[in-house]
C-alpha atoms as a PDB file:
ATOM      1  CA  MET A   1      -0.564  74.041 182.378  1.00  0.00           C
ATOM      2  CA  THR A   2      -3.406  72.188 180.685  1.00  0.00           C
ATOM      3  CA  LEU A   3      -5.913  69.682 182.042  1.00  0.00           C
ATOM      4  CA  ALA A   4      -5.677  66.486 180.030  1.00  0.00           C
ATOM      5  CA  TYR A   5      -7.751  63.334 180.430  1.00  0.00           C
ATOM      6  CA  VAL A   6      -6.267  59.920 179.707  1.00  0.00           C
ATOM      7  CA  GLY A   7      -8.270  56.725 179.243  1.00  0.00           C
ATOM      8  CA  LEU A   8      -6.714  53.557 180.656  1.00  0.00           C
ATOM      9  CA  GLY A   9      -7.723  50.038 179.679  1.00  0.00           C
ATOM     10  CA  SER A  10      -6.463  46.469 179.943  1.00  0.00           C
ATOM     11  CA  ASN A  11      -7.749  42.941 179.354  1.00  0.00           C
ATOM     12  CA  ILE A  12      -4.629  40.729 179.314  1.00  0.00           C
ATOM     13  CA  GLY A  13      -2.803  39.268 182.301  1.00  0.00           C
ATOM     14  CA  ASP A  14      -3.856  41.066 185.467  1.00  0.00           C
ATOM     15  CA  PRO A  15      -5.814  44.073 184.138  1.00  0.00           C
ATOM     16  CA  ALA A  16      -6.328  45.730 187.548  1.00  0.00           C
ATOM     17  CA  ARG A  17      -2.592  45.554 188.213  1.00  0.00           C
ATOM     18  CA  GLN A  18      -1.773  46.867 184.732  1.00  0.00           C
ATOM     19  CA  VAL A  19      -4.051  49.882 185.231  1.00  0.00           C
ATOM     20  CA  ARG A  20      -2.656  50.571 188.713  1.00  0.00           C
ATOM     21  CA  LEU A  21       0.934  50.376 187.396  1.00  0.00           C
ATOM     22  CA  ALA A  22       0.044  52.788 184.602  1.00  0.00           C
ATOM     23  CA  ILE A  23      -1.394  55.252 187.122  1.00  0.00           C
ATOM     24  CA  GLU A  24       1.878  55.077 189.054  1.00  0.00           C
ATOM     25  CA  GLU A  25       3.769  55.816 185.833  1.00  0.00           C
ATOM     26  CA  LEU A  26       1.494  58.789 185.081  1.00  0.00           C
ATOM     27  CA  LYS A  27       2.559  60.247 188.442  1.00  0.00           C
ATOM     28  CA  LYS A  28       6.172  60.259 187.194  1.00  0.00           C
ATOM     29  CA  LEU A  29       5.606  62.178 183.959  1.00  0.00           C
ATOM     30  CA  PRO A  30       7.681  65.357 183.619  1.00  0.00           C
ATOM     31  CA  GLU A  31       5.924  68.718 183.966  1.00  0.00           C
ATOM     32  CA  THR A  32       2.773  66.835 184.987  1.00  0.00           C
ATOM     33  CA  ASN A  33       0.699  66.281 188.100  1.00  0.00           C
ATOM     34  CA  LEU A  34      -1.859  63.534 188.486  1.00  0.00           C
ATOM     35  CA  VAL A  35      -4.984  65.349 189.700  1.00  0.00           C
ATOM     36  CA  LEU A  36      -7.591  62.570 189.971  1.00  0.00           C
ATOM     37  CA  THR A  37      -8.366  59.047 188.843  1.00  0.00           C
ATOM     38  CA  SER A  38     -11.797  57.558 188.387  1.00  0.00           C
ATOM     39  CA  GLY A  39     -13.013  54.262 189.702  1.00  0.00           C
ATOM     40  CA  MET A  40     -12.360  51.140 187.628  1.00  0.00           C
ATOM     41  CA  TYR A  41     -15.044  49.749 185.361  1.00  0.00           C
ATOM     42  CA  ARG A  42     -15.483  46.376 183.689  1.00  0.00           C
ATOM     43  CA  SER A  43     -16.817  46.581 180.147  1.00  0.00           C
ATOM     44  CA  ALA A  44     -17.429  44.295 177.218  1.00  0.00           C
ATOM     45  CA  PRO A  45     -15.024  44.696 174.286  1.00  0.00           C
ATOM     46  CA  LEU A  46     -16.146  46.759 171.305  1.00  0.00           C
ATOM     47  CA  GLY A  47     -15.091  45.971 167.761  1.00  0.00           C
ATOM     48  CA  TYR A  48     -13.309  42.617 168.062  1.00  0.00           C
ATOM     49  CA  ALA A  49     -15.630  40.773 170.463  1.00  0.00           C
ATOM     50  CA  ASP A  50     -13.778  37.448 170.877  1.00  0.00           C
ATOM     51  CA  GLN A  51     -11.725  38.549 173.881  1.00  0.00           C
ATOM     52  CA  ALA A  52     -11.983  39.082 177.629  1.00  0.00           C
ATOM     53  CA  ASP A  53     -13.759  42.028 179.221  1.00  0.00           C
ATOM     54  CA  PHE A  54     -11.722  45.174 179.824  1.00  0.00           C
ATOM     55  CA  LEU A  55     -11.000  47.102 182.979  1.00  0.00           C
ATOM     56  CA  ASN A  56     -11.123  50.836 182.278  1.00  0.00           C
ATOM     57  CA  ALA A  57     -10.492  54.074 184.146  1.00  0.00           C
ATOM     58  CA  VAL A  58      -9.772  57.718 183.369  1.00  0.00           C
ATOM     59  CA  ALA A  59      -7.032  59.917 184.834  1.00  0.00           C
ATOM     60  CA  CYS A  60      -6.978  63.696 184.934  1.00  0.00           C
ATOM     61  CA  LEU A  61      -3.535  65.275 184.512  1.00  0.00           C
ATOM     62  CA  ASP A  62      -2.427  68.871 184.877  1.00  0.00           C
ATOM     63  CA  THR A  63       0.423  69.052 182.392  1.00  0.00           C
ATOM     64  CA  GLY A  64       2.869  71.443 180.847  1.00  0.00           C
ATOM     65  CA  LEU A  65       3.693  68.938 178.112  1.00  0.00           C
ATOM     66  CA  PRO A  66       2.413  69.649 174.599  1.00  0.00           C
ATOM     67  CA  ALA A  67      -0.221  67.133 173.479  1.00  0.00           C
ATOM     68  CA  ALA A  68       2.093  65.322 171.043  1.00  0.00           C
ATOM     69  CA  ARG A  69       4.813  64.957 173.688  1.00  0.00           C
ATOM     70  CA  LEU A  70       2.278  63.680 176.229  1.00  0.00           C
ATOM     71  CA  LEU A  71       1.165  61.079 173.685  1.00  0.00           C
ATOM     72  CA  GLU A  72       4.783  59.938 173.272  1.00  0.00           C
ATOM     73  CA  HIS A  73       5.070  59.421 177.028  1.00  0.00           C
ATOM     74  CA  LEU A  74       1.785  57.482 177.102  1.00  0.00           C
ATOM     75  CA  GLN A  75       2.970  55.195 174.318  1.00  0.00           C
ATOM     76  CA  GLU A  76       6.252  54.605 176.151  1.00  0.00           C
ATOM     77  CA  ILE A  77       4.308  53.524 179.260  1.00  0.00           C
ATOM     78  CA  GLU A  78       2.311  51.130 177.051  1.00  0.00           C
ATOM     79  CA  ARG A  79       5.525  49.677 175.592  1.00  0.00           C
ATOM     80  CA  LYS A  80       7.032  49.181 179.056  1.00  0.00           C
ATOM     81  CA  GLN A  81       3.961  47.139 179.992  1.00  0.00           C
ATOM     82  CA  GLY A  82       4.207  44.909 176.927  1.00  0.00           C
ATOM     83  CA  ARG A  83       1.687  46.563 174.614  1.00  0.00           C
ATOM     84  CA  GLU A  84       1.567  44.980 171.175  1.00  0.00           C
ATOM     85  CA  ARG A  85      -0.611  46.062 168.253  1.00  0.00           C
ATOM     86  CA  PRO A  86      -1.189  42.936 166.130  1.00  0.00           C
ATOM     87  CA  PHE A  87      -4.525  44.201 164.717  1.00  0.00           C
ATOM     88  CA  ALA A  88      -7.219  46.803 165.397  1.00  0.00           C
ATOM     89  CA  ASN A  89      -9.091  46.341 168.692  1.00  0.00           C
ATOM     90  CA  ALA A  90      -6.856  43.426 169.689  1.00  0.00           C
ATOM     91  CA  PRO A  91      -6.585  42.322 173.330  1.00  0.00           C
ATOM     92  CA  ARG A  92      -4.000  44.393 175.174  1.00  0.00           C
ATOM     93  CA  THR A  93      -1.958  44.555 178.328  1.00  0.00           C
ATOM     94  CA  LEU A  94      -2.456  48.309 178.433  1.00  0.00           C
ATOM     95  CA  ASP A  95      -4.131  50.964 176.347  1.00  0.00           C
ATOM     96  CA  LEU A  96      -3.593  54.644 177.144  1.00  0.00           C
ATOM     97  CA  ASP A  97      -5.630  57.102 175.095  1.00  0.00           C
ATOM     98  CA  LEU A  98      -5.297  60.864 175.226  1.00  0.00           C
ATOM     99  CA  LEU A  99      -9.000  61.683 175.424  1.00  0.00           C
ATOM    100  CA  LEU A 100      -9.007  65.437 176.007  1.00  0.00           C
ATOM    101  CA  TYR A 101      -6.318  68.094 176.083  1.00  0.00           C
ATOM    102  CA  GLY A 102      -7.911  71.223 177.485  1.00  0.00           C
ATOM    103  CA  ASP A 103     -10.574  72.425 175.082  1.00  0.00           C
ATOM    104  CA  ILE A 104      -8.347  71.919 172.044  1.00  0.00           C
ATOM    105  CA  ILE A 105      -9.626  70.223 168.905  1.00  0.00           C
ATOM    106  CA  LEU A 106      -6.727  68.683 166.990  1.00  0.00           C
ATOM    107  CA  ASP A 107      -6.778  66.387 163.974  1.00  0.00           C
ATOM    108  CA  SER A 108      -3.363  65.367 162.693  1.00  0.00           C
ATOM    109  CA  PRO A 109      -2.052  62.113 161.235  1.00  0.00           C
ATOM    110  CA  ARG A 110      -0.477  61.289 164.614  1.00  0.00           C
ATOM    111  CA  LEU A 111      -3.042  62.560 167.102  1.00  0.00           C
ATOM    112  CA  THR A 112      -6.734  63.396 167.232  1.00  0.00           C
ATOM    113  CA  VAL A 113      -8.233  65.093 170.288  1.00  0.00           C
ATOM    114  CA  PRO A 114     -10.835  64.784 171.498  1.00  0.00           C
ATOM    115  CA  HIS A 115     -10.356  61.057 170.998  1.00  0.00           C
ATOM    116  CA  PRO A 116     -12.421  60.306 167.877  1.00  0.00           C
ATOM    117  CA  ARG A 117     -14.724  57.652 169.386  1.00  0.00           C
ATOM    118  CA  MET A 118     -14.854  58.630 173.046  1.00  0.00           C
ATOM    119  CA  HIS A 119     -18.324  60.142 172.702  1.00  0.00           C
ATOM    120  CA  GLU A 120     -19.678  56.691 171.714  1.00  0.00           C
ATOM    121  CA  ARG A 121     -18.138  54.675 174.558  1.00  0.00           C
ATOM    122  CA  ALA A 122     -19.712  54.233 177.967  1.00  0.00           C
ATOM    123  CA  PHE A 123     -16.421  52.841 179.318  1.00  0.00           C
ATOM    124  CA  VAL A 124     -14.835  56.238 178.644  1.00  0.00           C
ATOM    125  CA  LEU A 125     -17.745  58.547 179.416  1.00  0.00           C
ATOM    126  CA  GLN A 126     -18.738  57.071 182.775  1.00  0.00           C
ATOM    127  CA  PRO A 127     -15.267  57.267 184.376  1.00  0.00           C
ATOM    128  CA  LEU A 128     -14.842  60.734 182.854  1.00  0.00           C
ATOM    129  CA  LEU A 129     -18.105  61.801 184.505  1.00  0.00           C
ATOM    130  CA  ASP A 130     -16.803  60.402 187.815  1.00  0.00           C
ATOM    131  CA  LEU A 131     -14.095  63.066 187.613  1.00  0.00           C
ATOM    132  CA  ASP A 132     -16.244  65.960 186.382  1.00  0.00           C
ATOM    133  CA  SER A 133     -20.015  65.591 186.157  1.00  0.00           C
ATOM    134  CA  GLU A 134     -20.286  68.793 184.097  1.00  0.00           C
ATOM    135  CA  ILE A 135     -17.525  68.096 181.572  1.00  0.00           C
ATOM    136  CA  SER A 136     -18.146  68.718 177.892  1.00  0.00           C
ATOM    137  CA  ILE A 137     -16.350  67.234 174.929  1.00  0.00           C
ATOM    138  CA  PRO A 138     -15.288  69.943 172.472  1.00  0.00           C
ATOM    139  CA  GLY A 139     -17.314  69.654 169.279  1.00  0.00           C
ATOM    140  CA  ARG A 140     -19.621  66.983 170.781  1.00  0.00           C
ATOM    141  CA  GLY A 141     -21.388  68.430 173.833  1.00  0.00           C
ATOM    142  CA  LYS A 142     -21.987  67.426 177.432  1.00  0.00           C
ATOM    143  CA  ALA A 143     -20.542  64.070 178.392  1.00  0.00           C
ATOM    144  CA  SER A 144     -23.630  63.302 180.498  1.00  0.00           C
ATOM    145  CA  THR A 145     -25.891  63.604 177.440  1.00  0.00           C
ATOM    146  CA  LEU A 146     -23.528  61.496 175.360  1.00  0.00           C
ATOM    147  CA  ARG A 147     -23.377  58.882 178.133  1.00  0.00           C
ATOM    148  CA  SER A 148     -27.172  58.550 178.065  1.00  0.00           C
ATOM    149  CA  ALA A 149     -26.967  57.654 174.379  1.00  0.00           C
ATOM    150  CA  CYS A 150     -24.646  54.718 175.285  1.00  0.00           C
ATOM    151  CA  GLY A 151     -27.139  53.165 177.679  1.00  0.00           C
ATOM    152  CA  SER A 152     -27.133  49.758 175.998  1.00  0.00           C
ATOM    153  CA  GLN A 153     -23.378  49.234 176.508  1.00  0.00           C
ATOM    154  CA  ARG A 154     -22.604  46.967 179.458  1.00  0.00           C
ATOM    155  CA  ILE A 155     -20.387  48.633 182.064  1.00  0.00           C
ATOM    156  CA  GLU A 156     -19.974  47.802 185.755  1.00  0.00           C
ATOM    157  CA  ARG A 157     -18.008  49.675 188.407  1.00  0.00           C
ATOM    158  CA  VAL A 158     -15.656  47.245 190.159  1.00  0.00           C
ATOM    159  CA  ALA A 159     -13.382  49.501 192.241  1.00  0.00           C
END
């Protein structure tokens, strides 16, 4: 079994409901137990700015699934909730990112873990720190130090 961390985000429709539904779906994954979920945070969009704020959270899973198979399940949950990918950083009903998979560093055409930009995003780091205040990101360092470097990014805990 491996501890994996999944980022959840939504800014279309009812984002809080979308995130809650995704958490329920994570509980149903084969060979996987949902260990913890963070609080929900509201954050401004990064990249494409002309869209609504996001609601974000992080879930910790204890899984027997290989990383690539876990990613397939996450993408299926996104599809079930109407995820479309019209362009990079577009508004979305649901975004599920495999942030960490144990202490593995993986860079393939299909999957990169740790998530390649997580160390630059307060909306990922803060909920991750809610789950483990001492967590480190392989190849990047302590999440708490990285979070301090994102101090100018607007993020607000809402639940």
